């Protein structure tokens, strides 16, 4: 073999090695891109969940601190602007049940553990547990999450007779 044909074979081998290295580098770059984009989606999902939970808690707090008993067996809708830019970010729908999930009788002379505005405690004769279901939807993407939230409220005898007795719950004594 002459010297000229040996050099042309070596140039062909260099090109094949260069193409193989280029393919390996491309696979590494594509793998890094896919890994970083999945991490970004994971972080976005965690952020959505936390903001949705904050939105649900805000709407639930408004419902519970308002006239909760008059809102029984209804659905309350609200919007939340989480980033304060004047555009609603989340839509919250709260389903308020007709009946509580649990009721307990407490002694009238024992404090119930619920503080009132004057720093004292409310000596309600019943403690009633309600389960509220909040569905939070992202206005821009449509992603949604359902949050179950328990609320425990003290209740006097008259409210208990009006709102809980018709549900037929067994009352526990504490």
N, C-alpha and C. Protein backbone atom coordinates (compact mmCIF):
# COMPACT_ATOMS: atom_id res chain seq x y z
N UNK A 1 0.83 -1.17 0.00
CA UNK A 1 0.00 0.00 0.00
C UNK A 1 0.87 1.24 0.00
N UNK A 2 0.43 2.17 -0.74
CA UNK A 2 1.23 3.40 -0.76
C UNK A 2 0.81 4.31 0.38
N UNK A 3 1.61 5.30 0.55
CA UNK A 3 1.43 6.21 1.67
C UNK A 3 0.17 7.05 1.52
N UNK A 4 -0.22 7.40 0.35
CA UNK A 4 -1.38 8.24 0.10
C UNK A 4 -2.68 7.54 0.48
N UNK A 5 -2.87 6.26 0.17
CA UNK A 5 -4.10 5.54 0.52
C UNK A 5 -4.19 5.30 2.02
N UNK A 6 -3.06 5.14 2.72
CA UNK A 6 -3.06 4.96 4.17
C UNK A 6 -3.53 6.24 4.87
N UNK A 7 -3.16 7.39 4.39
CA UNK A 7 -3.60 8.66 4.98
C UNK A 7 -5.10 8.89 4.76
N UNK A 8 -5.61 8.51 3.61
CA UNK A 8 -7.05 8.70 3.37
C UNK A 8 -7.88 7.78 4.26
N UNK A 9 -7.40 6.57 4.56
CA UNK A 9 -8.11 5.68 5.49
C UNK A 9 -8.11 6.26 6.90
N UNK A 10 -7.01 6.90 7.31
CA UNK A 10 -6.94 7.50 8.64
C UNK A 10 -7.87 8.69 8.75
N UNK A 11 -8.00 9.48 7.69
CA UNK A 11 -8.93 10.61 7.72
C UNK A 11 -10.36 10.12 7.86
N UNK A 12 -10.72 9.06 7.26
CA UNK A 12 -12.06 8.49 7.38
C UNK A 12 -12.32 8.00 8.81
N UNK A 13 -11.32 7.42 9.44
CA UNK A 13 -11.47 6.94 10.81
C UNK A 13 -11.65 8.11 11.78
N UNK A 14 -10.94 9.20 11.54
CA UNK A 14 -11.07 10.39 12.40
C UNK A 14 -12.49 10.94 12.31
N UNK A 15 -13.06 10.94 11.11
CA UNK A 15 -14.42 11.45 10.94
C UNK A 15 -15.44 10.56 11.66
N UNK A 16 -15.26 9.25 11.60
CA UNK A 16 -16.16 8.33 12.29
C UNK A 16 -16.06 8.53 13.81
N UNK A 17 -14.86 8.65 14.34
CA UNK A 17 -14.67 8.88 15.78
C UNK A 17 -15.29 10.22 16.19
N UNK A 18 -15.11 11.25 15.37
CA UNK A 18 -15.68 12.56 15.68
C UNK A 18 -17.21 12.50 15.68
N UNK A 19 -17.81 11.78 14.75
CA UNK A 19 -19.28 11.65 14.73
C UNK A 19 -19.78 10.89 15.95
N UNK A 20 -19.08 9.86 16.34
CA UNK A 20 -19.48 9.09 17.54
C UNK A 20 -19.40 9.98 18.78
N UNK A 21 -18.33 10.75 18.93
CA UNK A 21 -18.20 11.67 20.07
C UNK A 21 -19.29 12.75 20.04
N UNK A 22 -19.60 13.25 18.87
CA UNK A 22 -20.67 14.25 18.73
C UNK A 22 -22.02 13.67 19.15
N UNK A 23 -22.28 12.42 18.79
CA UNK A 23 -23.54 11.78 19.20
C UNK A 23 -23.59 11.57 20.72
N UNK A 24 -22.47 11.19 21.30
CA UNK A 24 -22.43 10.99 22.76
C UNK A 24 -22.68 12.31 23.47
N UNK A 25 -22.04 13.37 23.01
CA UNK A 25 -22.24 14.69 23.63
C UNK A 25 -23.69 15.14 23.46
N UNK A 26 -24.29 14.88 22.31
CA UNK A 26 -25.69 15.25 22.07
C UNK A 26 -26.62 14.52 23.02
N UNK A 27 -26.37 13.22 23.24
CA UNK A 27 -27.21 12.45 24.16
C UNK A 27 -27.09 13.00 25.58
N UNK A 28 -25.89 13.37 25.98
CA UNK A 28 -25.69 13.93 27.33
C UNK A 28 -26.43 15.26 27.47
N UNK A 29 -26.34 16.12 26.46
CA UNK A 29 -27.02 17.42 26.51
C UNK A 29 -28.53 17.25 26.54
N UNK A 30 -29.06 16.36 25.72
CA UNK A 30 -30.52 16.11 25.71
C UNK A 30 -30.97 15.54 27.04
N UNK A 31 -30.20 14.62 27.61
CA UNK A 31 -30.54 14.07 28.93
C UNK A 31 -30.56 15.14 30.01
N UNK A 32 -29.58 16.04 29.98
CA UNK A 32 -29.55 17.15 30.94
C UNK A 32 -30.75 18.07 30.79
N UNK A 33 -31.12 18.34 29.55
CA UNK A 33 -32.29 19.20 29.30
C UNK A 33 -33.56 18.55 29.84
N UNK A 34 -33.74 17.26 29.55
CA UNK A 34 -34.95 16.58 30.02
C UNK A 34 -35.00 16.52 31.54
N UNK A 35 -33.85 16.28 32.16
CA UNK A 35 -33.80 16.23 33.62
C UNK A 35 -34.13 17.59 34.22
N UNK A 36 -33.58 18.66 33.67
CA UNK A 36 -33.85 19.99 34.22
C UNK A 36 -35.29 20.41 33.99
N UNK A 37 -35.88 20.05 32.85
CA UNK A 37 -37.27 20.43 32.61
C UNK A 37 -38.22 19.65 33.52
N UNK A 38 -37.90 18.38 33.84
CA UNK A 38 -38.76 17.65 34.76
C UNK A 38 -38.63 18.21 36.17
N UNK A 39 -37.43 18.65 36.55
CA UNK A 39 -37.26 19.30 37.85
C UNK A 39 -38.07 20.60 37.91
N UNK A 40 -38.08 21.34 36.83
CA UNK A 40 -38.83 22.59 36.77
C UNK A 40 -40.33 22.32 36.90
N UNK A 41 -40.82 21.27 36.24
CA UNK A 41 -42.24 20.91 36.37
C UNK A 41 -42.56 20.50 37.80
N UNK A 42 -41.66 19.76 38.44
CA UNK A 42 -41.89 19.35 39.83
C UNK A 42 -41.98 20.56 40.76
N UNK A 43 -41.08 21.50 40.58
CA UNK A 43 -41.09 22.72 41.40
C UNK A 43 -42.37 23.50 41.14
N UNK A 44 -42.79 23.58 39.88
CA UNK A 44 -44.03 24.28 39.54
C UNK A 44 -45.23 23.62 40.18
N UNK A 45 -45.26 22.29 40.22
CA UNK A 45 -46.37 21.58 40.86
C UNK A 45 -46.40 21.82 42.36
N UNK A 46 -45.24 21.84 42.99
CA UNK A 46 -45.18 22.11 44.43
C UNK A 46 -45.64 23.54 44.71
N UNK A 47 -45.21 24.48 43.86
CA UNK A 47 -45.64 25.86 44.04
C UNK A 47 -47.15 25.99 43.87
N UNK A 48 -47.72 25.33 42.85
CA UNK A 48 -49.17 25.36 42.65
C UNK A 48 -49.88 24.79 43.87
N UNK A 49 -49.39 23.67 44.39
CA UNK A 49 -50.05 23.04 45.54
C UNK A 49 -50.03 23.96 46.75
N UNK A 50 -48.90 24.59 47.01
CA UNK A 50 -48.80 25.49 48.17
C UNK A 50 -49.69 26.72 48.00
N UNK A 51 -49.71 27.30 46.79
CA UNK A 51 -50.57 28.46 46.56
C UNK A 51 -52.04 28.07 46.60
N UNK A 52 -52.38 26.89 46.10
CA UNK A 52 -53.76 26.42 46.15
C UNK A 52 -54.19 26.19 47.60
N UNK A 53 -53.31 25.63 48.39
CA UNK A 53 -53.61 25.40 49.81
C UNK A 53 -53.80 26.74 50.53
N UNK A 54 -52.95 27.72 50.24
CA UNK A 54 -53.10 29.05 50.85
C UNK A 54 -54.41 29.69 50.42
N UNK A 55 -54.77 29.54 49.15
CA UNK A 55 -56.03 30.11 48.64
C UNK A 55 -57.22 29.44 49.32
N UNK A 56 -57.17 28.12 49.45
CA UNK A 56 -58.26 27.39 50.10
C UNK A 56 -58.39 27.81 51.56
N UNK A 57 -57.27 27.92 52.25
CA UNK A 57 -57.30 28.33 53.66
C UNK A 57 -57.88 29.73 53.82
N UNK A 58 -57.53 30.61 52.91
CA UNK A 58 -58.06 31.98 52.98
C UNK A 58 -59.58 31.98 52.78
N UNK A 59 -60.06 31.26 51.77
CA UNK A 59 -61.49 31.20 51.52
C UNK A 59 -62.23 30.49 52.66
N UNK A 60 -61.65 29.40 53.18
CA UNK A 60 -62.27 28.68 54.30
C UNK A 60 -62.35 29.56 55.54
N UNK A 61 -61.32 30.34 55.78
CA UNK A 61 -61.32 31.25 56.94
C UNK A 61 -62.43 32.28 56.82
N UNK A 62 -62.66 32.78 55.62
CA UNK A 62 -63.74 33.74 55.41
C UNK A 62 -65.10 33.09 55.67
N UNK A 63 -65.27 31.85 55.22
CA UNK A 63 -66.55 31.16 55.41
C UNK A 63 -66.79 30.87 56.89
N UNK A 64 -65.76 30.35 57.56
CA UNK A 64 -65.93 29.96 58.97
C UNK A 64 -66.09 31.18 59.86
N UNK A 65 -65.39 32.27 59.57
CA UNK A 65 -65.49 33.45 60.42
C UNK A 65 -66.77 34.24 60.15
N UNK A 66 -67.44 33.98 59.04
CA UNK A 66 -68.70 34.65 58.73
C UNK A 66 -69.86 33.90 59.37
N UNK A 67 -71.00 33.98 58.75
CA UNK A 67 -72.19 33.30 59.28
C UNK A 67 -72.22 31.86 58.75
N UNK A 68 -71.40 31.03 59.38
CA UNK A 68 -71.22 29.66 58.93
C UNK A 68 -72.51 28.85 58.95
N UNK A 69 -73.26 28.95 60.03
CA UNK A 69 -74.46 28.13 60.17
C UNK A 69 -75.54 28.48 59.15
N UNK A 70 -75.61 29.73 58.72
CA UNK A 70 -76.61 30.09 57.71
C UNK A 70 -76.17 29.66 56.31
N UNK A 71 -74.90 29.25 56.15
CA UNK A 71 -74.39 28.83 54.84
C UNK A 71 -74.42 27.32 54.67
N UNK A 72 -75.01 26.60 55.64
CA UNK A 72 -75.04 25.14 55.53
C UNK A 72 -75.79 24.69 54.29
N UNK A 73 -75.34 23.58 53.73
CA UNK A 73 -75.94 22.96 52.54
C UNK A 73 -75.88 23.89 51.32
N UNK A 74 -74.81 24.67 51.25
CA UNK A 74 -74.62 25.56 50.09
C UNK A 74 -73.21 25.38 49.54
N UNK A 75 -72.97 26.05 48.45
CA UNK A 75 -71.64 26.11 47.87
C UNK A 75 -71.23 27.58 47.80
N UNK A 76 -70.04 27.87 48.27
CA UNK A 76 -69.53 29.23 48.29
C UNK A 76 -68.40 29.33 47.27
N UNK A 77 -68.50 30.30 46.38
CA UNK A 77 -67.46 30.53 45.37
C UNK A 77 -66.73 31.82 45.67
N UNK A 78 -65.42 31.80 45.49
CA UNK A 78 -64.63 33.01 45.66
C UNK A 78 -63.40 32.92 44.77
N UNK A 79 -62.79 34.06 44.53
CA UNK A 79 -61.54 34.10 43.78
C UNK A 79 -60.46 34.68 44.67
N UNK A 80 -59.23 34.28 44.41
CA UNK A 80 -58.10 34.72 45.23
C UNK A 80 -57.01 35.24 44.30
N UNK A 81 -56.55 36.45 44.59
CA UNK A 81 -55.42 37.05 43.88
C UNK A 81 -54.20 36.86 44.75
N UNK A 82 -53.51 35.75 44.55
CA UNK A 82 -52.42 35.36 45.46
C UNK A 82 -51.20 36.27 45.33
N UNK A 83 -50.96 36.81 44.13
CA UNK A 83 -49.77 37.65 43.95
C UNK A 83 -50.09 39.14 43.93
N UNK A 84 -51.32 39.50 44.25
CA UNK A 84 -51.74 40.90 44.42
C UNK A 84 -51.48 41.77 43.19
N UNK A 85 -51.76 41.21 41.98
CA UNK A 85 -51.59 42.01 40.77
C UNK A 85 -52.91 42.50 40.20
N UNK A 86 -54.00 42.28 40.92
CA UNK A 86 -55.31 42.73 40.48
C UNK A 86 -56.04 41.74 39.60
N UNK A 87 -55.42 40.60 39.29
CA UNK A 87 -56.05 39.57 38.45
C UNK A 87 -56.21 38.31 39.30
N UNK A 88 -57.44 37.76 39.37
CA UNK A 88 -57.64 36.53 40.16
C UNK A 88 -56.77 35.39 39.64
N UNK A 89 -56.06 34.73 40.55
CA UNK A 89 -55.19 33.62 40.19
C UNK A 89 -55.87 32.27 40.41
N UNK A 90 -56.69 32.18 41.45
CA UNK A 90 -57.33 30.92 41.80
C UNK A 90 -58.82 31.12 42.04
N UNK A 91 -59.58 30.13 41.64
CA UNK A 91 -61.01 30.10 41.90
C UNK A 91 -61.25 29.01 42.94
N UNK A 92 -61.92 29.35 44.02
CA UNK A 92 -62.15 28.41 45.12
C UNK A 92 -63.65 28.16 45.26
N UNK A 93 -64.03 26.90 45.26
CA UNK A 93 -65.42 26.50 45.49
C UNK A 93 -65.44 25.64 46.75
N UNK A 94 -66.22 26.09 47.74
CA UNK A 94 -66.29 25.38 49.02
C UNK A 94 -67.68 24.78 49.15
N UNK A 95 -67.72 23.46 49.34
CA UNK A 95 -68.99 22.76 49.59
C UNK A 95 -69.18 22.66 51.10
N UNK A 96 -70.27 23.27 51.57
CA UNK A 96 -70.56 23.25 53.00
C UNK A 96 -71.67 22.24 53.22
N UNK A 97 -71.43 21.21 54.01
CA UNK A 97 -72.41 20.14 54.17
C UNK A 97 -73.61 20.58 55.02
N UNK A 98 -74.68 19.84 54.89
CA UNK A 98 -75.87 20.08 55.71
C UNK A 98 -75.64 19.57 57.13
N UNK A 99 -74.94 18.46 57.25
CA UNK A 99 -74.78 17.80 58.55
C UNK A 99 -73.30 17.71 58.93
N UNK A 100 -73.02 17.80 60.23
CA UNK A 100 -71.63 17.63 60.70
C UNK A 100 -71.24 16.16 60.69
N UNK A 101 -69.96 15.89 60.89
CA UNK A 101 -69.48 14.51 60.93
C UNK A 101 -69.42 13.97 62.36
N UNK A 102 -69.39 14.86 63.36
CA UNK A 102 -69.29 14.41 64.75
C UNK A 102 -69.77 15.53 65.67
N UNK A 103 -70.40 15.15 66.76
CA UNK A 103 -70.82 16.11 67.78
C UNK A 103 -70.49 15.53 69.14
N UNK A 104 -70.01 16.37 70.04
CA UNK A 104 -69.67 15.92 71.39
C UNK A 104 -70.29 16.88 72.40
N UNK A 105 -70.78 16.32 73.48
CA UNK A 105 -71.37 17.11 74.57
C UNK A 105 -70.26 17.43 75.55
N UNK A 106 -70.20 18.69 75.97
CA UNK A 106 -69.22 19.09 76.97
C UNK A 106 -69.95 19.69 78.15
N UNK A 107 -69.33 19.63 79.31
CA UNK A 107 -69.94 20.17 80.52
C UNK A 107 -70.08 21.68 80.40
N UNK A 108 -71.22 22.21 80.83
CA UNK A 108 -71.46 23.65 80.72
C UNK A 108 -70.53 24.48 81.58
N UNK A 109 -70.09 23.94 82.71
CA UNK A 109 -69.24 24.72 83.59
C UNK A 109 -67.76 24.62 83.21
N UNK A 110 -67.41 23.69 82.33
CA UNK A 110 -66.01 23.54 81.92
C UNK A 110 -65.76 24.38 80.66
N UNK A 111 -64.65 25.09 80.63
CA UNK A 111 -64.35 25.85 79.41
C UNK A 111 -64.10 24.91 78.24
N UNK A 112 -64.55 25.32 77.08
CA UNK A 112 -64.45 24.44 75.91
C UNK A 112 -63.09 24.56 75.22
N UNK A 113 -62.29 25.53 75.59
CA UNK A 113 -60.99 25.70 74.96
C UNK A 113 -61.03 26.65 73.79
N UNK A 114 -62.17 27.21 73.48
CA UNK A 114 -62.27 28.17 72.38
C UNK A 114 -62.27 29.57 72.96
N UNK A 115 -61.30 30.36 72.58
CA UNK A 115 -61.20 31.70 73.11
C UNK A 115 -62.19 32.62 72.41
N UNK A 116 -62.70 33.56 73.17
CA UNK A 116 -63.59 34.58 72.62
C UNK A 116 -62.82 35.87 72.46
N UNK A 117 -63.46 36.90 71.93
CA UNK A 117 -62.76 38.15 71.65
C UNK A 117 -62.30 38.87 72.92
N UNK A 118 -62.95 38.59 74.06
CA UNK A 118 -62.53 39.27 75.29
C UNK A 118 -61.46 38.48 76.05
N UNK A 119 -60.91 37.42 75.45
CA UNK A 119 -59.84 36.66 76.09
C UNK A 119 -60.35 35.52 76.94
N UNK A 120 -61.67 35.44 77.16
CA UNK A 120 -62.23 34.34 77.93
C UNK A 120 -62.44 33.12 77.05
N UNK A 121 -63.20 32.18 77.57
CA UNK A 121 -63.50 31.00 76.79
C UNK A 121 -64.99 30.86 76.63
N UNK A 122 -65.39 30.25 75.56
CA UNK A 122 -66.80 30.01 75.30
C UNK A 122 -67.19 28.70 75.94
N UNK A 123 -68.23 28.71 76.75
CA UNK A 123 -68.67 27.49 77.42
C UNK A 123 -69.86 26.91 76.67
N UNK A 124 -69.69 26.66 75.36
CA UNK A 124 -70.75 26.05 74.56
C UNK A 124 -71.03 24.66 75.08
N UNK A 125 -72.25 24.20 74.91
CA UNK A 125 -72.58 22.89 75.46
C UNK A 125 -72.27 21.77 74.48
N UNK A 126 -71.94 22.08 73.23
CA UNK A 126 -71.59 21.06 72.24
C UNK A 126 -70.37 21.52 71.43
N UNK A 127 -69.57 20.55 71.05
CA UNK A 127 -68.47 20.77 70.11
C UNK A 127 -68.84 19.97 68.87
N UNK A 128 -68.91 20.64 67.73
CA UNK A 128 -69.39 20.01 66.51
C UNK A 128 -68.30 20.08 65.44
N UNK A 129 -68.00 18.93 64.83
CA UNK A 129 -67.00 18.85 63.77
C UNK A 129 -67.67 18.81 62.41
N UNK A 130 -67.20 19.65 61.50
CA UNK A 130 -67.72 19.72 60.13
C UNK A 130 -66.58 19.42 59.17
N UNK A 131 -66.90 18.77 58.05
CA UNK A 131 -65.90 18.56 57.01
C UNK A 131 -66.28 19.41 55.80
N UNK A 132 -65.40 20.34 55.46
CA UNK A 132 -65.62 21.21 54.31
C UNK A 132 -64.71 20.73 53.18
N UNK A 133 -65.21 20.79 51.96
CA UNK A 133 -64.44 20.37 50.80
C UNK A 133 -64.24 21.59 49.91
N UNK A 134 -62.97 21.95 49.71
CA UNK A 134 -62.63 23.10 48.87
C UNK A 134 -61.98 22.60 47.58
N UNK A 135 -62.50 23.04 46.45
CA UNK A 135 -61.90 22.73 45.16
C UNK A 135 -61.26 24.02 44.66
N UNK A 136 -59.95 23.97 44.46
CA UNK A 136 -59.20 25.14 44.02
C UNK A 136 -58.75 24.91 42.58
N UNK A 137 -59.07 25.87 41.70
CA UNK A 137 -58.68 25.78 40.29
C UNK A 137 -57.79 26.96 39.92
N UNK A 138 -56.73 26.68 39.19
CA UNK A 138 -55.87 27.73 38.65
C UNK A 138 -56.61 28.35 37.47
N UNK A 139 -56.84 29.66 37.53
CA UNK A 139 -57.62 30.34 36.51
C UNK A 139 -56.94 30.25 35.14
N UNK A 140 -55.62 30.36 35.10
CA UNK A 140 -54.93 30.39 33.81
C UNK A 140 -54.71 29.02 33.20
N UNK A 141 -54.41 28.00 34.01
CA UNK A 141 -54.10 26.68 33.46
C UNK A 141 -55.23 25.68 33.58
N UNK A 142 -56.16 25.92 34.50
CA UNK A 142 -57.25 24.98 34.72
C UNK A 142 -56.89 23.83 35.64
N UNK A 143 -55.65 23.77 36.12
CA UNK A 143 -55.26 22.72 37.07
C UNK A 143 -56.07 22.87 38.34
N UNK A 144 -56.45 21.75 38.95
CA UNK A 144 -57.32 21.81 40.12
C UNK A 144 -56.82 20.85 41.20
N UNK A 145 -57.17 21.18 42.43
CA UNK A 145 -56.85 20.33 43.57
C UNK A 145 -58.04 20.38 44.53
N UNK A 146 -58.34 19.24 45.17
CA UNK A 146 -59.43 19.16 46.14
C UNK A 146 -58.82 19.03 47.53
N UNK A 147 -59.28 19.88 48.44
CA UNK A 147 -58.75 19.91 49.80
C UNK A 147 -59.89 19.65 50.78
N UNK A 148 -59.70 18.67 51.65
CA UNK A 148 -60.66 18.38 52.72
C UNK A 148 -60.18 19.09 53.97
N UNK A 149 -61.07 19.83 54.60
CA UNK A 149 -60.69 20.66 55.74
C UNK A 149 -61.69 20.45 56.87
N UNK A 150 -61.20 20.13 58.04
CA UNK A 150 -62.06 19.95 59.20
C UNK A 150 -62.18 21.22 60.00
N UNK A 151 -63.39 21.49 60.49
CA UNK A 151 -63.65 22.67 61.31
C UNK A 151 -64.38 22.20 62.56
N UNK A 152 -63.89 22.61 63.71
CA UNK A 152 -64.53 22.28 64.99
C UNK A 152 -65.06 23.57 65.59
N UNK A 153 -66.38 23.59 65.83
CA UNK A 153 -67.01 24.80 66.35
C UNK A 153 -67.79 24.51 67.63
N UNK A 154 -67.72 25.43 68.62
CA UNK A 154 -68.59 25.28 69.79
C UNK A 154 -70.01 25.68 69.39
N UNK A 155 -71.00 25.05 70.02
CA UNK A 155 -72.38 25.34 69.65
C UNK A 155 -73.26 25.28 70.90
N UNK A 156 -74.10 26.26 71.04
CA UNK A 156 -75.04 26.29 72.15
C UNK A 156 -76.20 25.33 71.88
N UNK A 157 -76.98 25.05 72.92
CA UNK A 157 -78.09 24.10 72.84
C UNK A 157 -79.08 24.48 71.73
N UNK A 158 -79.43 25.75 71.61
CA UNK A 158 -80.44 26.16 70.62
C UNK A 158 -79.95 25.90 69.19
N UNK A 159 -78.69 26.26 68.89
CA UNK A 159 -78.15 25.99 67.55
C UNK A 159 -78.02 24.49 67.32
N UNK A 160 -77.65 23.75 68.36
CA UNK A 160 -77.53 22.31 68.24
C UNK A 160 -78.89 21.70 67.85
N UNK A 161 -79.94 22.13 68.51
CA UNK A 161 -81.28 21.62 68.20
C UNK A 161 -81.68 21.95 66.77
N UNK A 162 -81.31 23.13 66.29
CA UNK A 162 -81.70 23.58 64.96
C UNK A 162 -80.90 22.90 63.85
N UNK A 163 -79.58 22.78 64.03
CA UNK A 163 -78.72 22.37 62.93
C UNK A 163 -78.21 20.92 63.01
N UNK A 164 -78.11 20.34 64.19
CA UNK A 164 -77.49 19.02 64.32
C UNK A 164 -78.51 17.92 64.58
N UNK A 165 -79.50 18.18 65.40
CA UNK A 165 -80.48 17.14 65.75
C UNK A 165 -81.16 16.56 64.51
N UNK A 166 -81.56 17.37 63.52
CA UNK A 166 -82.19 16.78 62.34
C UNK A 166 -81.29 15.81 61.57
N UNK A 167 -79.99 15.86 61.78
CA UNK A 167 -79.07 14.96 61.07
C UNK A 167 -79.00 13.58 61.72
N UNK A 168 -79.50 13.44 62.97
CA UNK A 168 -79.54 12.14 63.62
C UNK A 168 -78.19 11.60 64.05
N UNK A 169 -77.25 12.47 64.44
CA UNK A 169 -75.94 12.00 64.90
C UNK A 169 -76.01 11.44 66.31
N UNK A 170 -75.14 10.49 66.58
CA UNK A 170 -74.94 10.01 67.94
C UNK A 170 -73.97 10.98 68.61
N UNK A 171 -74.34 11.49 69.76
CA UNK A 171 -73.52 12.48 70.44
C UNK A 171 -72.61 11.78 71.43
N UNK A 172 -71.33 12.15 71.38
CA UNK A 172 -70.34 11.62 72.30
C UNK A 172 -70.24 12.53 73.50
N UNK A 173 -69.96 11.99 74.67
CA UNK A 173 -69.74 12.80 75.87
C UNK A 173 -68.25 12.93 76.08
N UNK A 174 -67.82 14.14 76.43
CA UNK A 174 -66.40 14.32 76.66
C UNK A 174 -66.11 14.44 78.13
